[in-house]
Every structure is written in structure tokens, then in C-alpha cells.
């Protein structure tokens, strides 16, 4: 399954992660810039699977947009590229390409 970004959001002075290779629920790899709450605490390793996960501020498909719209995506980069004070576009909504 492929992921499609259906909405972008412009942010100012935000904390973001820039991911070159990510997956969500077995999707094909995708890349993007995602807003996070705190670059220092947004990622972790799932002890049971060994997957590296990051909690991103993003809506899924038709979910209503709200300030607590977060979900985890798996990242496969060697290093999670993080930025504090980012100005620009981030992924605001994504879904599966059917």
C-alpha cells in the first residue's frame, strides 16, 4: 500500500522531524517533514518488535483535525533528522492511496 499526503500545513518556529524512509501499517516507504511535540521525546524503540517509532502531529484520512491528532510512524533512516525552529510546510493529513 502506498501513502498519499492529502493536506499540508505551514508552521513557524516548530519542532519537526525530516524522515527519508518511513512506513505506516505495512505501507511502502515514504518520506516527509512532520511536526512533533518535542524532538527530545518523540521517538522510541518498540521493545517487542525492535521497530523505531516516532509520534507525529498529523491527521489520518478523514479524522477531524484537532491539536491532539498524533500517531506513530516507523522510521528507517540511520539517524532521525530533527529541527527546532523550523519554518515551512509539514504533512498535516495522510492516508492510503487506494
N, C-alpha and C. Protein backbone atom coordinates (compact mmCIF):
# COMPACT_ATOMS: atom_id res chain seq x y z
N UNK A 1 0.85 -1.19 0.00
CA UNK A 1 0.00 0.00 0.00
C UNK A 1 0.89 1.24 0.00
N UNK A 2 0.47 2.22 -0.75
CA UNK A 2 1.18 3.49 -0.81
C UNK A 2 0.48 4.52 0.06
N UNK A 3 1.28 5.44 0.57
CA UNK A 3 0.78 6.56 1.38
C UNK A 3 0.68 7.79 0.49
N UNK A 4 -0.37 8.57 0.70
CA UNK A 4 -0.53 9.83 0.00
C UNK A 4 -0.73 10.93 1.03
N UNK A 5 -0.09 12.08 0.80
CA UNK A 5 -0.29 13.25 1.66
C UNK A 5 -1.43 14.05 1.06
N UNK A 6 -2.50 14.21 1.82
CA UNK A 6 -3.69 14.88 1.30
C UNK A 6 -3.82 16.32 1.79
N UNK A 7 -2.99 16.70 2.75
CA UNK A 7 -3.05 18.07 3.27
C UNK A 7 -1.71 18.42 3.88
N UNK A 8 -1.27 19.65 3.63
CA UNK A 8 -0.04 20.16 4.23
C UNK A 8 -0.43 21.35 5.12
N UNK A 9 0.45 21.69 6.07
CA UNK A 9 0.21 22.81 6.97
C UNK A 9 1.50 23.64 7.04
N UNK A 10 1.38 24.94 7.04
CA UNK A 10 2.54 25.82 7.19
C UNK A 10 2.73 26.11 8.68
N UNK A 11 3.95 25.90 9.16
CA UNK A 11 4.27 26.12 10.57
C UNK A 11 5.39 27.15 10.70
N UNK A 12 5.46 27.77 11.85
CA UNK A 12 6.50 28.73 12.16
C UNK A 12 7.12 28.37 13.50
N UNK A 13 8.44 28.34 13.55
CA UNK A 13 9.18 28.05 14.79
C UNK A 13 8.72 26.74 15.42
N UNK A 14 8.58 25.71 14.60
CA UNK A 14 8.07 24.42 15.05
C UNK A 14 9.19 23.42 15.26
N UNK A 15 8.89 22.37 16.00
CA UNK A 15 9.80 21.24 16.16
C UNK A 15 9.35 20.17 15.17
N UNK A 16 10.28 19.69 14.33
CA UNK A 16 9.93 18.74 13.28
C UNK A 16 10.97 17.64 13.19
N UNK A 17 10.56 16.56 12.53
CA UNK A 17 11.48 15.51 12.10
C UNK A 17 11.38 15.42 10.58
N UNK A 18 12.53 15.23 9.94
CA UNK A 18 12.61 15.10 8.49
C UNK A 18 13.01 13.67 8.20
N UNK A 19 12.06 12.89 7.68
CA UNK A 19 12.27 11.46 7.52
C UNK A 19 12.38 11.12 6.04
N UNK A 20 13.44 10.41 5.68
CA UNK A 20 13.65 9.99 4.30
C UNK A 20 12.99 8.64 4.00
N UNK A 21 12.86 7.78 5.01
CA UNK A 21 12.27 6.46 4.80
C UNK A 21 11.42 6.09 6.00
N UNK A 22 10.10 6.16 5.81
CA UNK A 22 9.15 5.84 6.88
C UNK A 22 8.13 4.83 6.34
N UNK A 23 7.45 4.18 7.27
CA UNK A 23 6.36 3.26 6.92
C UNK A 23 5.24 3.45 7.95
N UNK A 24 4.02 3.13 7.49
CA UNK A 24 2.88 3.15 8.39
C UNK A 24 2.02 1.94 8.08
N UNK A 25 1.80 1.11 9.05
CA UNK A 25 0.96 -0.08 8.94
C UNK A 25 1.28 -0.90 7.68
N UNK A 26 2.56 -1.19 7.48
CA UNK A 26 2.98 -2.03 6.38
C UNK A 26 2.99 -1.36 5.01
N UNK A 27 2.94 -0.04 4.99
CA UNK A 27 2.93 0.69 3.71
C UNK A 27 4.28 0.58 3.01
N UNK A 28 4.29 1.01 1.76
CA UNK A 28 5.55 1.20 1.04
C UNK A 28 6.27 2.38 1.71
N UNK A 29 7.59 2.46 1.59
CA UNK A 29 8.32 3.59 2.20
C UNK A 29 7.87 4.94 1.64
N UNK A 30 7.87 5.94 2.49
CA UNK A 30 7.56 7.32 2.09
C UNK A 30 8.46 8.26 2.86
N UNK A 31 8.51 9.50 2.44
CA UNK A 31 9.33 10.49 3.15
C UNK A 31 8.54 11.76 3.34
N UNK A 32 8.91 12.53 4.37
CA UNK A 32 8.23 13.78 4.61
C UNK A 32 8.75 14.50 5.83
N UNK A 33 8.27 15.72 6.02
CA UNK A 33 8.59 16.54 7.19
C UNK A 33 7.34 16.55 8.06
N UNK A 34 7.52 16.16 9.33
CA UNK A 34 6.39 16.03 10.25
C UNK A 34 6.64 16.84 11.51
N UNK A 35 5.60 17.53 11.98
CA UNK A 35 5.67 18.27 13.23
C UNK A 35 5.60 17.28 14.39
N UNK A 36 6.38 17.53 15.44
CA UNK A 36 6.35 16.73 16.66
C UNK A 36 6.18 17.67 17.85
N UNK A 37 5.76 17.09 18.97
CA UNK A 37 5.59 17.90 20.18
C UNK A 37 6.94 18.31 20.75
N UNK A 38 7.88 17.35 20.81
CA UNK A 38 9.19 17.60 21.41
C UNK A 38 10.20 16.66 20.74
N UNK A 39 11.19 17.21 20.05
CA UNK A 39 12.16 16.37 19.35
C UNK A 39 12.93 15.45 20.29
N UNK A 40 13.04 15.83 21.54
CA UNK A 40 13.80 15.02 22.51
C UNK A 40 13.04 13.80 23.00
N UNK A 41 11.72 13.82 22.92
CA UNK A 41 10.94 12.71 23.47
C UNK A 41 9.99 12.06 22.46
N UNK A 42 10.07 12.43 21.19
CA UNK A 42 9.08 11.97 20.21
C UNK A 42 9.34 10.57 19.68
N UNK A 43 10.53 10.03 19.87
CA UNK A 43 10.82 8.72 19.28
C UNK A 43 11.21 7.70 20.34
N UNK A 44 10.99 6.43 19.99
CA UNK A 44 11.38 5.34 20.87
C UNK A 44 11.47 4.04 20.06
N UNK A 45 12.02 3.02 20.67
CA UNK A 45 12.10 1.71 20.05
C UNK A 45 11.09 0.81 20.73
N UNK A 46 10.24 0.13 19.93
CA UNK A 46 9.28 -0.83 20.46
C UNK A 46 10.07 -2.07 20.87
N UNK A 47 10.09 -2.36 22.15
CA UNK A 47 10.88 -3.48 22.69
C UNK A 47 10.47 -4.82 22.09
N UNK A 48 9.20 -5.01 21.78
CA UNK A 48 8.73 -6.31 21.31
C UNK A 48 9.04 -6.55 19.82
N UNK A 49 9.11 -5.46 19.03
CA UNK A 49 9.34 -5.63 17.59
C UNK A 49 10.70 -5.11 17.12
N UNK A 50 11.31 -4.25 17.91
CA UNK A 50 12.57 -3.62 17.51
C UNK A 50 12.38 -2.46 16.55
N UNK A 51 11.13 -2.10 16.24
CA UNK A 51 10.87 -1.01 15.31
C UNK A 51 11.13 0.33 15.98
N UNK A 52 11.69 1.26 15.22
CA UNK A 52 11.91 2.63 15.69
C UNK A 52 10.69 3.45 15.30
N UNK A 53 10.03 4.03 16.28
CA UNK A 53 8.77 4.74 16.07
C UNK A 53 8.91 6.20 16.48
N UNK A 54 8.18 7.06 15.78
CA UNK A 54 8.15 8.48 16.13
C UNK A 54 6.70 8.94 16.13
N UNK A 55 6.34 9.71 17.15
CA UNK A 55 4.99 10.22 17.32
C UNK A 55 4.90 11.57 16.61
N UNK A 56 4.07 11.64 15.55
CA UNK A 56 3.98 12.85 14.73
C UNK A 56 2.61 13.49 14.85
N UNK A 57 2.57 14.80 14.70
CA UNK A 57 1.32 15.58 14.72
C UNK A 57 0.76 15.56 13.30
N UNK A 58 -0.24 14.71 13.09
CA UNK A 58 -0.78 14.51 11.75
C UNK A 58 -2.15 13.86 11.88
N UNK A 59 -3.04 14.16 10.94
CA UNK A 59 -4.35 13.52 10.90
C UNK A 59 -4.32 12.36 9.93
N UNK A 60 -5.13 11.35 10.22
CA UNK A 60 -5.24 10.18 9.36
C UNK A 60 -6.54 10.25 8.58
N UNK A 61 -6.44 10.20 7.26
CA UNK A 61 -7.57 10.19 6.34
C UNK A 61 -8.64 11.20 6.74
N UNK A 62 -9.83 10.77 7.14
CA UNK A 62 -10.94 11.70 7.41
C UNK A 62 -11.08 12.09 8.88
N UNK A 63 -10.09 11.77 9.70
CA UNK A 63 -10.13 12.14 11.11
C UNK A 63 -10.23 13.66 11.25
N UNK A 64 -11.09 14.14 12.14
CA UNK A 64 -11.17 15.58 12.36
C UNK A 64 -9.83 16.12 12.87
N UNK A 65 -9.46 17.30 12.40
CA UNK A 65 -8.21 17.92 12.83
C UNK A 65 -8.40 18.53 14.22
N UNK A 66 -7.50 18.18 15.11
CA UNK A 66 -7.50 18.74 16.46
C UNK A 66 -6.07 18.75 16.97
N UNK A 67 -5.80 19.48 18.03
CA UNK A 67 -4.42 19.65 18.49
C UNK A 67 -3.80 18.36 19.04
N UNK A 68 -4.61 17.37 19.33
CA UNK A 68 -4.08 16.09 19.83
C UNK A 68 -4.10 15.00 18.75
N UNK A 69 -4.10 15.40 17.49
CA UNK A 69 -4.09 14.43 16.38
C UNK A 69 -2.66 13.95 16.15
N UNK A 70 -2.29 12.90 16.86
CA UNK A 70 -0.95 12.32 16.76
C UNK A 70 -1.07 10.83 16.48
N UNK A 71 -0.11 10.28 15.74
CA UNK A 71 0.02 8.84 15.63
C UNK A 71 1.48 8.50 15.34
N UNK A 72 1.80 7.22 15.50
CA UNK A 72 3.18 6.79 15.34
C UNK A 72 3.44 6.25 13.94
N UNK A 73 4.59 6.63 13.40
CA UNK A 73 5.06 6.05 12.16
C UNK A 73 6.43 5.43 12.43
N UNK A 74 6.76 4.43 11.64
CA UNK A 74 8.05 3.76 11.77
C UNK A 74 9.06 4.48 10.89
N UNK A 75 10.25 4.76 11.44
CA UNK A 75 11.29 5.40 10.62
C UNK A 75 12.47 4.44 10.47
N UNK A 76 13.05 4.47 9.25
CA UNK A 76 14.10 3.54 8.90
C UNK A 76 15.43 4.21 8.61
N UNK A 77 15.52 5.53 8.73
CA UNK A 77 16.77 6.24 8.48
C UNK A 77 17.81 5.83 9.50
N UNK A 78 19.08 6.02 9.16
CA UNK A 78 20.15 5.74 10.12
C UNK A 78 20.05 6.67 11.32
N UNK A 79 19.71 7.93 11.06
CA UNK A 79 19.57 8.94 12.11
C UNK A 79 18.26 9.67 11.88
N UNK A 80 17.55 9.97 12.96
CA UNK A 80 16.32 10.75 12.85
C UNK A 80 16.70 12.23 12.80
N UNK A 81 16.52 12.84 11.63
CA UNK A 81 16.87 14.25 11.46
C UNK A 81 15.81 15.11 12.14
N UNK A 82 16.26 15.93 13.08
CA UNK A 82 15.36 16.76 13.88
C UNK A 82 15.71 18.23 13.69
N UNK A 83 14.72 19.08 13.85
CA UNK A 83 14.94 20.52 13.73
C UNK A 83 14.05 21.25 14.72
N UNK A 84 14.61 22.20 15.41
CA UNK A 84 13.86 23.09 16.29
C UNK A 84 13.90 24.47 15.64
N UNK A 85 12.75 25.13 15.55
CA UNK A 85 12.67 26.45 14.92
C UNK A 85 12.43 26.38 13.43
N UNK A 86 11.77 25.33 12.97
CA UNK A 86 11.50 25.12 11.54
C UNK A 86 10.36 26.01 11.08
N UNK A 87 10.56 26.65 9.93
CA UNK A 87 9.52 27.43 9.26
C UNK A 87 9.29 26.79 7.90
N UNK A 88 8.06 26.38 7.62
CA UNK A 88 7.78 25.78 6.33
C UNK A 88 6.60 24.84 6.40
N UNK A 89 6.49 23.98 5.38
CA UNK A 89 5.36 23.05 5.30
C UNK A 89 5.67 21.72 5.96
N UNK A 90 4.65 21.17 6.61
CA UNK A 90 4.71 19.84 7.21
C UNK A 90 3.50 19.04 6.73
N UNK A 91 3.58 17.74 6.82
CA UNK A 91 2.44 16.89 6.47
C UNK A 91 1.37 17.06 7.55
N UNK A 92 0.17 17.43 7.14
CA UNK A 92 -0.92 17.64 8.08
C UNK A 92 -1.93 16.50 8.07
N UNK A 93 -2.04 15.82 6.90
CA UNK A 93 -3.00 14.73 6.78
C UNK A 93 -2.48 13.75 5.74
N UNK A 94 -2.63 12.47 6.04
CA UNK A 94 -2.22 11.46 5.08
C UNK A 94 -3.16 10.28 5.14
N UNK A 95 -3.06 9.42 4.16
CA UNK A 95 -3.90 8.24 4.10
C UNK A 95 -3.34 7.26 3.11
N UNK A 96 -4.03 6.16 2.93
CA UNK A 96 -3.62 5.16 1.96
C UNK A 96 -4.12 5.57 0.57
N UNK A 97 -3.30 5.33 -0.43
CA UNK A 97 -3.69 5.55 -1.82
C UNK A 97 -4.41 4.31 -2.29
N UNK A 98 -5.69 4.40 -2.54
CA UNK A 98 -6.49 3.24 -2.91
C UNK A 98 -6.60 3.13 -4.41
